[in-house]
Amino acid sequence: MRVVVQRVSRAAVRVDGETVGAIGRGLLLLVAVAAGDTEETARRMAAKVSALRLFADAGGRFERSLVESGGGALVVSQFTLLADVRRGRRPSFTAAAAPEFAAPLVDAVADALRAEGVTVSTGRFGAMMDVELVNDGPVTIVVDSADLDRPRRQPSG
């Protein structure tokens, strides 16, 4: 799973001109489900993203998480994040999970965020979507499921 996390002042997603999801201050999450991802991957990704300290405290430092800031999350599926462009000019998407496996896992990310107390809006899986956002900062971070298994580096000395 790969998630592009963007801190936003506001974000919305439209399908055929109709707004299907919108948030004010919070995080826009572009979610790509890879072949082999599981519900556990989705839960761990949601826990990681909701705990990332991306919001400023009174001193202006990144010290507050999405949960602590009270912001919302807009979860939008985007399989193209898993594009392999190493060969030729046409991207390959073979690393992406098939839609019948990916859709429930995108929903599982949204559900796990709700369980953390986050207000969640979503896009529409498989639809052609127009995503509009105001990136706050700008702050944009990419989180891969491989990052969830990596041990933290211990300080030296």
C-alpha atoms as a PDB file:
ATOM      1  CA  MET A   1       0.000   0.000   0.000  1.00  0.00           C
ATOM      2  CA  ARG A   2       1.192   3.461  -0.831  1.00  0.00           C
ATOM      3  CA  VAL A   3      -0.461   6.598   0.541  1.00  0.00           C
ATOM      4  CA  VAL A   4       0.275  10.160  -0.460  1.00  0.00           C
ATOM      5  CA  VAL A   5      -0.592  12.318   2.551  1.00  0.00           C
ATOM      6  CA  GLN A   6      -1.279  15.987   1.888  1.00  0.00           C
ATOM      7  CA  ARG A   7      -2.064  18.431   4.672  1.00  0.00           C
ATOM      8  CA  VAL A   8      -4.891  20.613   3.385  1.00  0.00           C
ATOM      9  CA  SER A   9      -6.886  23.682   4.317  1.00  0.00           C
ATOM     10  CA  ARG A  10      -9.721  22.093   2.366  1.00  0.00           C
ATOM     11  CA  ALA A  11     -10.247  19.350  -0.184  1.00  0.00           C
ATOM     12  CA  ALA A  12     -13.118  17.960  -2.225  1.00  0.00           C
ATOM     13  CA  VAL A  13     -13.724  15.198  -4.723  1.00  0.00           C
ATOM     14  CA  ARG A  14     -16.338  15.347  -7.467  1.00  0.00           C
ATOM     15  CA  VAL A  15     -17.782  12.712  -9.771  1.00  0.00           C
ATOM     16  CA  ASP A  16     -19.703  13.942 -12.809  1.00  0.00           C
ATOM     17  CA  GLY A  17     -19.824  17.436 -11.301  1.00  0.00           C
ATOM     18  CA  GLU A  18     -21.355  16.216  -8.016  1.00  0.00           C
ATOM     19  CA  THR A  19     -19.346  16.618  -4.789  1.00  0.00           C
ATOM     20  CA  VAL A  20     -19.139  13.143  -3.244  1.00  0.00           C
ATOM     21  CA  GLY A  21     -16.690  13.989  -0.448  1.00  0.00           C
ATOM     22  CA  ALA A  22     -15.210  17.098   1.132  1.00  0.00           C
ATOM     23  CA  ILE A  23     -13.299  18.200   4.218  1.00  0.00           C
ATOM     24  CA  GLY A  24     -11.996  21.405   5.709  1.00  0.00           C
ATOM     25  CA  ARG A  25      -8.643  21.377   7.510  1.00  0.00           C
ATOM     26  CA  GLY A  26      -7.104  17.933   7.618  1.00  0.00           C
ATOM     27  CA  LEU A  27      -5.439  15.360   5.386  1.00  0.00           C
ATOM     28  CA  LEU A  28      -6.108  14.285   1.830  1.00  0.00           C
ATOM     29  CA  LEU A  29      -5.063  10.641   1.500  1.00  0.00           C
ATOM     30  CA  LEU A  30      -4.471   9.245  -1.978  1.00  0.00           C
ATOM     31  CA  VAL A  31      -4.479   5.481  -1.408  1.00  0.00           C
ATOM     32  CA  ALA A  32      -3.046   2.804  -3.703  1.00  0.00           C
ATOM     33  CA  VAL A  33      -3.604  -0.822  -2.733  1.00  0.00           C
ATOM     34  CA  ALA A  34      -0.900  -3.233  -3.852  1.00  0.00           C
ATOM     35  CA  ALA A  35      -1.305  -6.897  -4.643  1.00  0.00           C
ATOM     36  CA  GLY A  36      -0.805  -8.780  -1.389  1.00  0.00           C
ATOM     37  CA  ASP A  37      -2.079  -6.019   0.914  1.00  0.00           C
ATOM     38  CA  THR A  38      -4.464  -7.123   3.670  1.00  0.00           C
ATOM     39  CA  GLU A  39      -6.946  -5.605   6.109  1.00  0.00           C
ATOM     40  CA  GLU A  40      -4.115  -5.571   8.636  1.00  0.00           C
ATOM     41  CA  THR A  41      -2.061  -3.457   6.204  1.00  0.00           C
ATOM     42  CA  ALA A  42      -4.999  -1.041   5.919  1.00  0.00           C
ATOM     43  CA  ARG A  43      -5.423  -0.791   9.710  1.00  0.00           C
ATOM     44  CA  ARG A  44      -1.717  -0.241  10.289  1.00  0.00           C
ATOM     45  CA  MET A  45      -1.560   2.401   7.541  1.00  0.00           C
ATOM     46  CA  ALA A  46      -4.523   4.269   9.027  1.00  0.00           C
ATOM     47  CA  ALA A  47      -2.958   4.145  12.503  1.00  0.00           C
ATOM     48  CA  LYS A  48       0.327   5.468  11.134  1.00  0.00           C
ATOM     49  CA  VAL A  49      -1.249   8.289   9.140  1.00  0.00           C
ATOM     50  CA  SER A  50      -3.580   9.376  11.937  1.00  0.00           C
ATOM     51  CA  ALA A  51      -0.643   9.586  14.353  1.00  0.00           C
ATOM     52  CA  LEU A  52       1.789  11.483  12.089  1.00  0.00           C
ATOM     53  CA  ARG A  53       2.630  14.823  13.675  1.00  0.00           C
ATOM     54  CA  LEU A  54       1.932  17.100  10.730  1.00  0.00           C
ATOM     55  CA  PHE A  55       0.019  19.917  12.429  1.00  0.00           C
ATOM     56  CA  ALA A  56       1.619  22.849  14.219  1.00  0.00           C
ATOM     57  CA  ASP A  57       1.405  23.491  17.932  1.00  0.00           C
ATOM     58  CA  ALA A  58       1.305  27.012  19.412  1.00  0.00           C
ATOM     59  CA  GLY A  59       5.057  27.305  18.739  1.00  0.00           C
ATOM     60  CA  GLY A  60       4.678  26.471  15.044  1.00  0.00           C
ATOM     61  CA  ARG A  61       6.360  23.043  15.287  1.00  0.00           C
ATOM     62  CA  PHE A  62       4.927  19.839  13.819  1.00  0.00           C
ATOM     63  CA  GLU A  63       3.750  18.419  17.141  1.00  0.00           C
ATOM     64  CA  ARG A  64       0.083  17.533  16.640  1.00  0.00           C
ATOM     65  CA  SER A  65      -1.437  14.568  14.842  1.00  0.00           C
ATOM     66  CA  LEU A  66      -4.605  14.497  12.783  1.00  0.00           C
ATOM     67  CA  VAL A  67      -6.457  13.085  15.780  1.00  0.00           C
ATOM     68  CA  GLU A  68      -5.071  15.763  18.134  1.00  0.00           C
ATOM     69  CA  SER A  69      -5.823  18.568  15.681  1.00  0.00           C
ATOM     70  CA  GLY A  70      -9.430  17.486  15.154  1.00  0.00           C
ATOM     71  CA  GLY A  71      -9.007  17.584  11.377  1.00  0.00           C
ATOM     72  CA  GLY A  72     -10.811  15.450   8.845  1.00  0.00           C
ATOM     73  CA  ALA A  73      -9.553  12.999   6.253  1.00  0.00           C
ATOM     74  CA  LEU A  74     -10.567  12.696   2.622  1.00  0.00           C
ATOM     75  CA  VAL A  75      -9.702   9.176   1.408  1.00  0.00           C
ATOM     76  CA  VAL A  76      -9.412   8.784  -2.375  1.00  0.00           C
ATOM     77  CA  SER A  77      -8.341   5.612  -4.182  1.00  0.00           C
ATOM     78  CA  GLN A  78      -5.535   6.113  -6.708  1.00  0.00           C
ATOM     79  CA  PHE A  79      -3.994   2.935  -8.115  1.00  0.00           C
ATOM     80  CA  THR A  80      -1.721   4.984 -10.402  1.00  0.00           C
ATOM     81  CA  LEU A  81       0.571   5.642  -7.420  1.00  0.00           C
ATOM     82  CA  LEU A  82       1.893   2.124  -7.975  1.00  0.00           C
ATOM     83  CA  ALA A  83       2.921   2.777 -11.589  1.00  0.00           C
ATOM     84  CA  ASP A  84       6.153   1.153 -12.740  1.00  0.00           C
ATOM     85  CA  VAL A  85       7.829   3.426 -15.291  1.00  0.00           C
ATOM     86  CA  ARG A  86      11.219   1.700 -15.468  1.00  0.00           C
ATOM     87  CA  ARG A  87      10.680   0.362 -19.001  1.00  0.00           C
ATOM     88  CA  GLY A  88       9.269   2.062 -22.036  1.00  0.00           C
ATOM     89  CA  ARG A  89       6.861   4.964 -22.049  1.00  0.00           C
ATOM     90  CA  ARG A  90       3.651   3.263 -20.945  1.00  0.00           C
ATOM     91  CA  PRO A  91       3.368   2.811 -17.162  1.00  0.00           C
ATOM     92  CA  SER A  92       2.686  -0.692 -15.887  1.00  0.00           C
ATOM     93  CA  PHE A  93       0.176  -1.123 -13.083  1.00  0.00           C
ATOM     94  CA  THR A  94       0.769  -4.811 -12.375  1.00  0.00           C
ATOM     95  CA  ALA A  95       1.744  -4.042  -8.764  1.00  0.00           C
ATOM     96  CA  ALA A  96      -1.762  -2.721  -8.041  1.00  0.00           C
ATOM     97  CA  ALA A  97      -4.361  -5.039  -6.536  1.00  0.00           C
ATOM     98  CA  ALA A  98      -7.343  -6.004  -8.658  1.00  0.00           C
ATOM     99  CA  PRO A  99     -10.360  -3.757  -8.035  1.00  0.00           C
ATOM    100  CA  GLU A 100     -12.347  -6.468  -6.225  1.00  0.00           C
ATOM    101  CA  PHE A 101      -9.545  -6.709  -3.645  1.00  0.00           C
ATOM    102  CA  ALA A 102      -8.553  -3.044  -3.590  1.00  0.00           C
ATOM    103  CA  ALA A 103     -11.984  -1.471  -3.001  1.00  0.00           C
ATOM    104  CA  PRO A 104     -12.610  -3.169   0.367  1.00  0.00           C
ATOM    105  CA  LEU A 105      -9.101  -2.238   1.538  1.00  0.00           C
ATOM    106  CA  VAL A 106      -9.567   1.443   0.665  1.00  0.00           C
ATOM    107  CA  ASP A 107     -12.797   1.233   2.686  1.00  0.00           C
ATOM    108  CA  ALA A 108     -10.851  -0.462   5.496  1.00  0.00           C
ATOM    109  CA  VAL A 109      -8.446   2.511   5.650  1.00  0.00           C
ATOM    110  CA  ALA A 110     -11.424   4.882   5.960  1.00  0.00           C
ATOM    111  CA  ASP A 111     -13.091   2.681   8.591  1.00  0.00           C
ATOM    112  CA  ALA A 112      -9.885   2.417  10.638  1.00  0.00           C
ATOM    113  CA  LEU A 113      -9.518   6.210  10.589  1.00  0.00           C
ATOM    114  CA  ARG A 114     -13.112   6.538  11.809  1.00  0.00           C
ATOM    115  CA  ALA A 115     -12.271   4.112  14.618  1.00  0.00           C
ATOM    116  CA  GLU A 116      -9.446   6.506  15.601  1.00  0.00           C
ATOM    117  CA  GLY A 117     -12.052   9.263  15.939  1.00  0.00           C
ATOM    118  CA  VAL A 118     -11.358  11.006  12.630  1.00  0.00           C
ATOM    119  CA  THR A 119     -14.201  12.433  10.536  1.00  0.00           C
ATOM    120  CA  VAL A 120     -13.777  10.794   7.124  1.00  0.00           C
ATOM    121  CA  SER A 121     -15.097  11.572   3.648  1.00  0.00           C
ATOM    122  CA  THR A 122     -14.313   9.459   0.622  1.00  0.00           C
ATOM    123  CA  GLY A 123     -14.146   9.490  -3.115  1.00  0.00           C
ATOM    124  CA  ARG A 124     -15.915   6.882  -5.245  1.00  0.00           C
ATOM    125  CA  PHE A 125     -13.830   3.817  -6.021  1.00  0.00           C
ATOM    126  CA  GLY A 126     -13.332   3.225  -9.739  1.00  0.00           C
ATOM    127  CA  ALA A 127     -14.915   6.492 -10.809  1.00  0.00           C
ATOM    128  CA  MET A 128     -13.239   9.230 -12.800  1.00  0.00           C
ATOM    129  CA  MET A 129     -12.812  11.838 -10.074  1.00  0.00           C
ATOM    130  CA  ASP A 130     -11.898  15.515  -9.954  1.00  0.00           C
ATOM    131  CA  VAL A 131      -9.916  16.152  -6.784  1.00  0.00           C
ATOM    132  CA  GLU A 132      -9.528  19.736  -5.636  1.00  0.00           C
ATOM    133  CA  LEU A 133      -7.317  20.721  -2.725  1.00  0.00           C
ATOM    134  CA  VAL A 134      -5.535  23.578  -1.075  1.00  0.00           C
ATOM    135  CA  ASN A 135      -2.256  22.104   0.129  1.00  0.00           C
ATOM    136  CA  ASP A 136      -1.412  23.704   3.474  1.00  0.00           C
ATOM    137  CA  GLY A 137       2.305  24.401   3.813  1.00  0.00           C
ATOM    138  CA  PRO A 138       2.703  22.706   1.389  1.00  0.00           C
ATOM    139  CA  VAL A 139       3.060  19.457   3.313  1.00  0.00           C
ATOM    140  CA  THR A 140       3.128  16.247   1.261  1.00  0.00           C
ATOM    141  CA  ILE A 141       4.478  12.913   2.507  1.00  0.00           C
ATOM    142  CA  VAL A 142       4.530   9.457   0.928  1.00  0.00           C
ATOM    143  CA  VAL A 143       4.024   6.457   3.232  1.00  0.00           C
ATOM    144  CA  ASP A 144       4.608   2.940   1.907  1.00  0.00           C
ATOM    145  CA  SER A 145       3.505  -0.200   3.717  1.00  0.00           C
ATOM    146  CA  ALA A 146       7.187  -1.203   3.821  1.00  0.00           C
ATOM    147  CA  ASP A 147       7.721   1.841   6.067  1.00  0.00           C
ATOM    148  CA  LEU A 148       5.366   0.299   8.625  1.00  0.00           C
ATOM    149  CA  ASP A 149       7.742  -2.614   9.186  1.00  0.00           C
ATOM    150  CA  ARG A 150      10.929  -0.599   9.383  1.00  0.00           C
ATOM    151  CA  PRO A 151      12.397  -0.314  12.885  1.00  0.00           C
ATOM    152  CA  ARG A 152      13.094   3.187  14.135  1.00  0.00           C
ATOM    153  CA  ARG A 153      16.688   4.280  13.974  1.00  0.00           C
ATOM    154  CA  GLN A 154      18.208   4.432  17.426  1.00  0.00           C
ATOM    155  CA  PRO A 155      20.047   7.649  18.311  1.00  0.00           C
ATOM    156  CA  SER A 156      23.810   7.205  18.309  1.00  0.00           C
ATOM    157  CA  GLY A 157      26.002   7.827  21.286  1.00  0.00           C
END
